[in-house]
Amino acid sequence: MKKYWLVLSPNTFMWLKGEEGLLYHAVSHAQVSFKNVGALRLLTEWINDIDNLYRVELTEETLRQPEVNEWIRQVVDKECGKLVENDDVNNCPVSLKPVLKLQDGVQYYEWLHRQGTDGSVIQNLHNIVFYLNGSASGDEWLHRQLIYPSATETVADGCGSCILPGMPGSRRIFWKSR
């Protein structure tokens, strides 16, 4: 009896919630939604376990089950994973489970900087501030201001620029309203 490995792509996210499941390939934007019940539930739980490296070993008997066979066909057709024969000669395929990273706020990077790890991130944060109808300090001649990296001192409309403390290479430029 032949054996196979089903391994999901490292670009494929798998979400399971109750009896619902979804595979999403982040590069091709392909998706497979499915009912996560029966034999399929056991397979997805096995695949989703980080110790199994996003793969599961299947037998011909398992592949004959209609719901499993249809799901695997969709996974392979949409390039969310691949089915590889286990011939006991070649190494088994592995894949790292992707982790969804949502955007972090400035507070996270400030905290990270205080921890002493990856402190270079805080130096790469820049702000763009537009003041319309005057500035925050009430000067009606200032129309907008912009923080940007610059290697040289720049003058705009004769107002000049100033070095921003704590941000080497940055200048704050002020433009007069016209």
C-alpha atoms as a PDB file:
ATOM      1  CA  MET A   1       0.000   0.000   0.000  1.00  0.00           C
ATOM      2  CA  LYS A   2       1.444   3.343  -1.081  1.00  0.00           C
ATOM      3  CA  LYS A   3       1.802   6.277   1.264  1.00  0.00           C
ATOM      4  CA  TYR A   4       1.807   9.973   0.461  1.00  0.00           C
ATOM      5  CA  TRP A   5       2.681  13.266   2.115  1.00  0.00           C
ATOM      6  CA  LEU A   6       0.298  16.192   1.876  1.00  0.00           C
ATOM      7  CA  VAL A   7       2.267  19.343   2.634  1.00  0.00           C
ATOM      8  CA  LEU A   8       0.789  22.836   2.619  1.00  0.00           C
ATOM      9  CA  SER A   9       2.689  25.713   1.061  1.00  0.00           C
ATOM     10  CA  PRO A  10       4.427  28.124   3.460  1.00  0.00           C
ATOM     11  CA  ASN A  11       2.374  30.858   1.711  1.00  0.00           C
ATOM     12  CA  THR A  12      -0.908  29.168   2.675  1.00  0.00           C
ATOM     13  CA  PHE A  13      -2.787  30.163   5.804  1.00  0.00           C
ATOM     14  CA  MET A  14      -5.229  27.691   7.357  1.00  0.00           C
ATOM     15  CA  TRP A  15      -7.981  28.937   9.649  1.00  0.00           C
ATOM     16  CA  LEU A  16     -10.234  26.506  11.512  1.00  0.00           C
ATOM     17  CA  LYS A  17     -13.277  27.524  13.526  1.00  0.00           C
ATOM     18  CA  GLY A  18     -15.711  24.867  14.625  1.00  0.00           C
ATOM     19  CA  GLU A  19     -16.928  23.025  11.545  1.00  0.00           C
ATOM     20  CA  GLU A  20     -15.684  25.674   9.113  1.00  0.00           C
ATOM     21  CA  GLY A  21     -12.243  25.825   7.527  1.00  0.00           C
ATOM     22  CA  LEU A  22     -10.478  28.088   5.069  1.00  0.00           C
ATOM     23  CA  LEU A  23      -7.181  27.868   3.213  1.00  0.00           C
ATOM     24  CA  TYR A  24      -5.822  31.093   1.716  1.00  0.00           C
ATOM     25  CA  HIS A  25      -2.729  31.315  -0.498  1.00  0.00           C
ATOM     26  CA  ALA A  26      -1.213  34.751   0.156  1.00  0.00           C
ATOM     27  CA  VAL A  27       0.627  35.002  -3.173  1.00  0.00           C
ATOM     28  CA  SER A  28      -1.991  33.778  -5.653  1.00  0.00           C
ATOM     29  CA  HIS A  29      -4.979  34.851  -3.499  1.00  0.00           C
ATOM     30  CA  ALA A  30      -6.532  31.411  -4.081  1.00  0.00           C
ATOM     31  CA  GLN A  31      -8.826  30.114  -1.368  1.00  0.00           C
ATOM     32  CA  VAL A  32     -10.431  26.835  -0.423  1.00  0.00           C
ATOM     33  CA  SER A  33     -13.329  26.886   2.021  1.00  0.00           C
ATOM     34  CA  PHE A  34     -14.493  23.575   3.423  1.00  0.00           C
ATOM     35  CA  LYS A  35     -16.528  21.819   6.094  1.00  0.00           C
ATOM     36  CA  ASN A  36     -14.068  20.697   8.763  1.00  0.00           C
ATOM     37  CA  VAL A  37     -15.824  17.472   9.834  1.00  0.00           C
ATOM     38  CA  GLY A  38     -15.114  13.761  10.036  1.00  0.00           C
ATOM     39  CA  ALA A  39     -11.847  12.459   8.617  1.00  0.00           C
ATOM     40  CA  LEU A  40     -11.035  15.899   7.252  1.00  0.00           C
ATOM     41  CA  ARG A  41     -11.104  17.349  10.773  1.00  0.00           C
ATOM     42  CA  LEU A  42      -8.452  14.858  11.917  1.00  0.00           C
ATOM     43  CA  LEU A  43      -6.232  15.725   8.924  1.00  0.00           C
ATOM     44  CA  THR A  44      -6.504  19.482   9.438  1.00  0.00           C
ATOM     45  CA  GLU A  45      -5.789  19.201  13.155  1.00  0.00           C
ATOM     46  CA  TRP A  46      -2.708  17.097  12.365  1.00  0.00           C
ATOM     47  CA  ILE A  47      -1.508  19.563   9.699  1.00  0.00           C
ATOM     48  CA  ASN A  48      -2.148  22.553  11.959  1.00  0.00           C
ATOM     49  CA  ASP A  49      -0.020  21.090  14.783  1.00  0.00           C
ATOM     50  CA  ILE A  50       3.289  22.992  14.558  1.00  0.00           C
ATOM     51  CA  ASP A  51       5.295  19.863  15.402  1.00  0.00           C
ATOM     52  CA  ASN A  52       4.120  18.217  12.156  1.00  0.00           C
ATOM     53  CA  LEU A  53       5.656  20.957   9.980  1.00  0.00           C
ATOM     54  CA  TYR A  54       2.462  21.696   8.009  1.00  0.00           C
ATOM     55  CA  ARG A  55       2.172  18.181   6.593  1.00  0.00           C
ATOM     56  CA  VAL A  56       0.405  14.886   7.102  1.00  0.00           C
ATOM     57  CA  GLU A  57       1.112  11.334   5.927  1.00  0.00           C
ATOM     58  CA  LEU A  58      -1.771   9.706   4.049  1.00  0.00           C
ATOM     59  CA  THR A  59      -2.492   6.146   2.956  1.00  0.00           C
ATOM     60  CA  GLU A  60      -4.318   5.059  -0.207  1.00  0.00           C
ATOM     61  CA  GLU A  61      -7.235   4.092   2.024  1.00  0.00           C
ATOM     62  CA  THR A  62      -7.490   7.633   3.390  1.00  0.00           C
ATOM     63  CA  LEU A  63      -7.281   9.060  -0.130  1.00  0.00           C
ATOM     64  CA  ARG A  64     -10.259   6.914  -1.189  1.00  0.00           C
ATOM     65  CA  GLN A  65     -12.567   8.754   1.226  1.00  0.00           C
ATOM     66  CA  PRO A  66     -14.632  11.121  -0.969  1.00  0.00           C
ATOM     67  CA  GLU A  67     -14.506  14.230   1.279  1.00  0.00           C
ATOM     68  CA  VAL A  68     -10.734  13.847   1.825  1.00  0.00           C
ATOM     69  CA  ASN A  69     -10.047  13.191  -1.859  1.00  0.00           C
ATOM     70  CA  GLU A  70     -12.098  16.222  -2.998  1.00  0.00           C
ATOM     71  CA  TRP A  71     -10.414  18.501  -0.446  1.00  0.00           C
ATOM     72  CA  ILE A  72      -6.909  17.362  -1.456  1.00  0.00           C
ATOM     73  CA  ARG A  73      -7.783  17.861  -5.137  1.00  0.00           C
ATOM     74  CA  GLN A  74      -8.815  21.466  -4.398  1.00  0.00           C
ATOM     75  CA  VAL A  75      -5.676  22.083  -2.307  1.00  0.00           C
ATOM     76  CA  VAL A  76      -3.402  20.830  -5.099  1.00  0.00           C
ATOM     77  CA  ASP A  77      -5.372  22.501  -7.950  1.00  0.00           C
ATOM     78  CA  LYS A  78      -5.217  25.916  -6.232  1.00  0.00           C
ATOM     79  CA  GLU A  79      -1.516  25.404  -5.380  1.00  0.00           C
ATOM     80  CA  CYS A  80      -2.133  25.678  -1.645  1.00  0.00           C
ATOM     81  CA  GLY A  81      -0.152  22.484  -1.159  1.00  0.00           C
ATOM     82  CA  LYS A  82       1.174  19.396  -2.879  1.00  0.00           C
ATOM     83  CA  LEU A  83       0.818  15.640  -2.643  1.00  0.00           C
ATOM     84  CA  VAL A  84       4.142  13.785  -2.700  1.00  0.00           C
ATOM     85  CA  GLU A  85       4.617  10.025  -2.807  1.00  0.00           C
ATOM     86  CA  ASN A  86       6.390   8.629   0.268  1.00  0.00           C
ATOM     87  CA  ASP A  87       8.845   6.134  -1.227  1.00  0.00           C
ATOM     88  CA  ASP A  88      10.917   5.833   1.995  1.00  0.00           C
ATOM     89  CA  VAL A  89      13.977   6.882  -0.036  1.00  0.00           C
ATOM     90  CA  ASN A  90      13.607  10.640  -0.340  1.00  0.00           C
ATOM     91  CA  ASN A  91      13.307  12.893   2.668  1.00  0.00           C
ATOM     92  CA  CYS A  92       9.788  13.883   3.569  1.00  0.00           C
ATOM     93  CA  PRO A  93       8.795  17.411   2.568  1.00  0.00           C
ATOM     94  CA  VAL A  94       8.373  20.005   5.280  1.00  0.00           C
ATOM     95  CA  SER A  95       6.914  23.474   5.397  1.00  0.00           C
ATOM     96  CA  LEU A  96       6.896  26.168   8.033  1.00  0.00           C
ATOM     97  CA  LYS A  97       3.476  27.273   9.124  1.00  0.00           C
ATOM     98  CA  PRO A  98       3.010  30.964   8.295  1.00  0.00           C
ATOM     99  CA  VAL A  99       2.142  33.430  11.033  1.00  0.00           C
ATOM    100  CA  LEU A 100      -0.259  36.261  10.315  1.00  0.00           C
ATOM    101  CA  LYS A 101       1.348  39.564  11.296  1.00  0.00           C
ATOM    102  CA  LEU A 102      -0.969  42.478  11.707  1.00  0.00           C
ATOM    103  CA  GLN A 103       0.383  46.011  11.694  1.00  0.00           C
ATOM    104  CA  ASP A 104       1.713  47.180  15.030  1.00  0.00           C
ATOM    105  CA  GLY A 105       1.285  50.611  16.525  1.00  0.00           C
ATOM    106  CA  VAL A 106       4.089  52.976  17.474  1.00  0.00           C
ATOM    107  CA  GLN A 107       3.677  51.927  21.134  1.00  0.00           C
ATOM    108  CA  TYR A 108       4.768  48.378  20.266  1.00  0.00           C
ATOM    109  CA  TYR A 109       7.984  49.611  18.615  1.00  0.00           C
ATOM    110  CA  GLU A 110       8.694  51.981  21.494  1.00  0.00           C
ATOM    111  CA  TRP A 111       8.296  49.057  23.902  1.00  0.00           C
ATOM    112  CA  LEU A 112      10.502  46.893  21.683  1.00  0.00           C
ATOM    113  CA  HIS A 113      13.137  49.646  21.630  1.00  0.00           C
ATOM    114  CA  ARG A 114      13.102  49.851  25.457  1.00  0.00           C
ATOM    115  CA  GLN A 115      13.688  46.086  25.594  1.00  0.00           C
ATOM    116  CA  GLY A 116      16.942  46.547  23.689  1.00  0.00           C
ATOM    117  CA  THR A 117      15.908  44.363  20.753  1.00  0.00           C
ATOM    118  CA  ASP A 118      15.610  45.538  17.179  1.00  0.00           C
ATOM    119  CA  GLY A 119      16.179  49.120  18.280  1.00  0.00           C
ATOM    120  CA  SER A 120      16.875  50.269  14.734  1.00  0.00           C
ATOM    121  CA  VAL A 121      13.131  50.215  13.989  1.00  0.00           C
ATOM    122  CA  ILE A 122      12.458  53.293  16.116  1.00  0.00           C
ATOM    123  CA  GLN A 123      14.954  55.322  14.057  1.00  0.00           C
ATOM    124  CA  ASN A 124      13.048  54.527  10.860  1.00  0.00           C
ATOM    125  CA  LEU A 125       9.715  55.905  12.009  1.00  0.00           C
ATOM    126  CA  HIS A 126       8.775  59.161  10.289  1.00  0.00           C
ATOM    127  CA  ASN A 127       5.757  61.436  10.530  1.00  0.00           C
ATOM    128  CA  ILE A 128       4.066  63.553   7.935  1.00  0.00           C
ATOM    129  CA  VAL A 129       2.010  66.371   9.405  1.00  0.00           C
ATOM    130  CA  PHE A 130      -0.059  68.814   7.347  1.00  0.00           C
ATOM    131  CA  TYR A 131      -1.350  71.932   9.056  1.00  0.00           C
ATOM    132  CA  LEU A 132      -4.038  73.700   7.052  1.00  0.00           C
ATOM    133  CA  ASN A 133      -5.085  77.289   7.822  1.00  0.00           C
ATOM    134  CA  GLY A 134      -2.108  77.869  10.066  1.00  0.00           C
ATOM    135  CA  SER A 135       0.050  75.654  12.223  1.00  0.00           C
ATOM    136  CA  ALA A 136      -0.520  73.939  15.540  1.00  0.00           C
ATOM    137  CA  SER A 137       1.316  76.821  17.215  1.00  0.00           C
ATOM    138  CA  GLY A 138      -0.992  79.396  15.604  1.00  0.00           C
ATOM    139  CA  ASP A 139       1.407  80.976  13.097  1.00  0.00           C
ATOM    140  CA  GLU A 140      -0.790  81.898  10.129  1.00  0.00           C
ATOM    141  CA  TRP A 141       2.201  82.096   7.740  1.00  0.00           C
ATOM    142  CA  LEU A 142       2.976  78.406   8.105  1.00  0.00           C
ATOM    143  CA  HIS A 143       0.875  76.380   5.707  1.00  0.00           C
ATOM    144  CA  ARG A 144       2.269  72.867   6.128  1.00  0.00           C
ATOM    145  CA  GLN A 145       5.238  71.031   7.554  1.00  0.00           C
ATOM    146  CA  LEU A 146       6.880  67.776   6.611  1.00  0.00           C
ATOM    147  CA  ILE A 147       9.500  65.620   8.303  1.00  0.00           C
ATOM    148  CA  TYR A 148      11.699  63.827   5.832  1.00  0.00           C
ATOM    149  CA  PRO A 149      15.194  62.324   5.717  1.00  0.00           C
ATOM    150  CA  SER A 150      17.788  64.573   4.138  1.00  0.00           C
ATOM    151  CA  ALA A 151      21.555  64.603   4.029  1.00  0.00           C
ATOM    152  CA  THR A 152      21.764  68.375   3.574  1.00  0.00           C
ATOM    153  CA  GLU A 153      20.234  71.470   5.118  1.00  0.00           C
ATOM    154  CA  THR A 154      17.344  72.668   2.920  1.00  0.00           C
ATOM    155  CA  VAL A 155      15.670  76.045   2.607  1.00  0.00           C
ATOM    156  CA  ALA A 156      12.090  76.297   1.296  1.00  0.00           C
ATOM    157  CA  ASP A 157      10.554  79.668   0.371  1.00  0.00           C
ATOM    158  CA  GLY A 158      13.182  81.422   2.484  1.00  0.00           C
ATOM    159  CA  CYS A 159      11.875  79.996   5.803  1.00  0.00           C
ATOM    160  CA  GLY A 160      14.782  77.660   6.520  1.00  0.00           C
ATOM    161  CA  SER A 161      14.825  74.312   8.218  1.00  0.00           C
ATOM    162  CA  CYS A 162      15.883  72.897  11.548  1.00  0.00           C
ATOM    163  CA  ILE A 163      17.406  69.625  12.692  1.00  0.00           C
ATOM    164  CA  LEU A 164      14.994  67.464  14.672  1.00  0.00           C
ATOM    165  CA  PRO A 165      16.392  66.264  18.008  1.00  0.00           C
ATOM    166  CA  GLY A 166      16.728  62.503  18.258  1.00  0.00           C
ATOM    167  CA  MET A 167      16.304  61.958  14.502  1.00  0.00           C
ATOM    168  CA  PRO A 168      19.735  62.248  12.831  1.00  0.00           C
ATOM    169  CA  GLY A 169      19.528  63.115   9.145  1.00  0.00           C
ATOM    170  CA  SER A 170      16.012  64.559   9.440  1.00  0.00           C
ATOM    171  CA  ARG A 171      14.920  68.122   8.854  1.00  0.00           C
ATOM    172  CA  ARG A 172      11.664  69.926   9.474  1.00  0.00           C
ATOM    173  CA  ILE A 173      10.775  72.141   6.529  1.00  0.00           C
ATOM    174  CA  PHE A 174       8.213  74.940   6.685  1.00  0.00           C
ATOM    175  CA  TRP A 175       6.467  76.436   3.655  1.00  0.00           C
ATOM    176  CA  LYS A 176       4.728  79.793   3.618  1.00  0.00           C
ATOM    177  CA  SER A 177       1.131  79.979   2.462  1.00  0.00           C
ATOM    178  CA  ARG A 178       0.706  81.679  -0.876  1.00  0.00           C
END
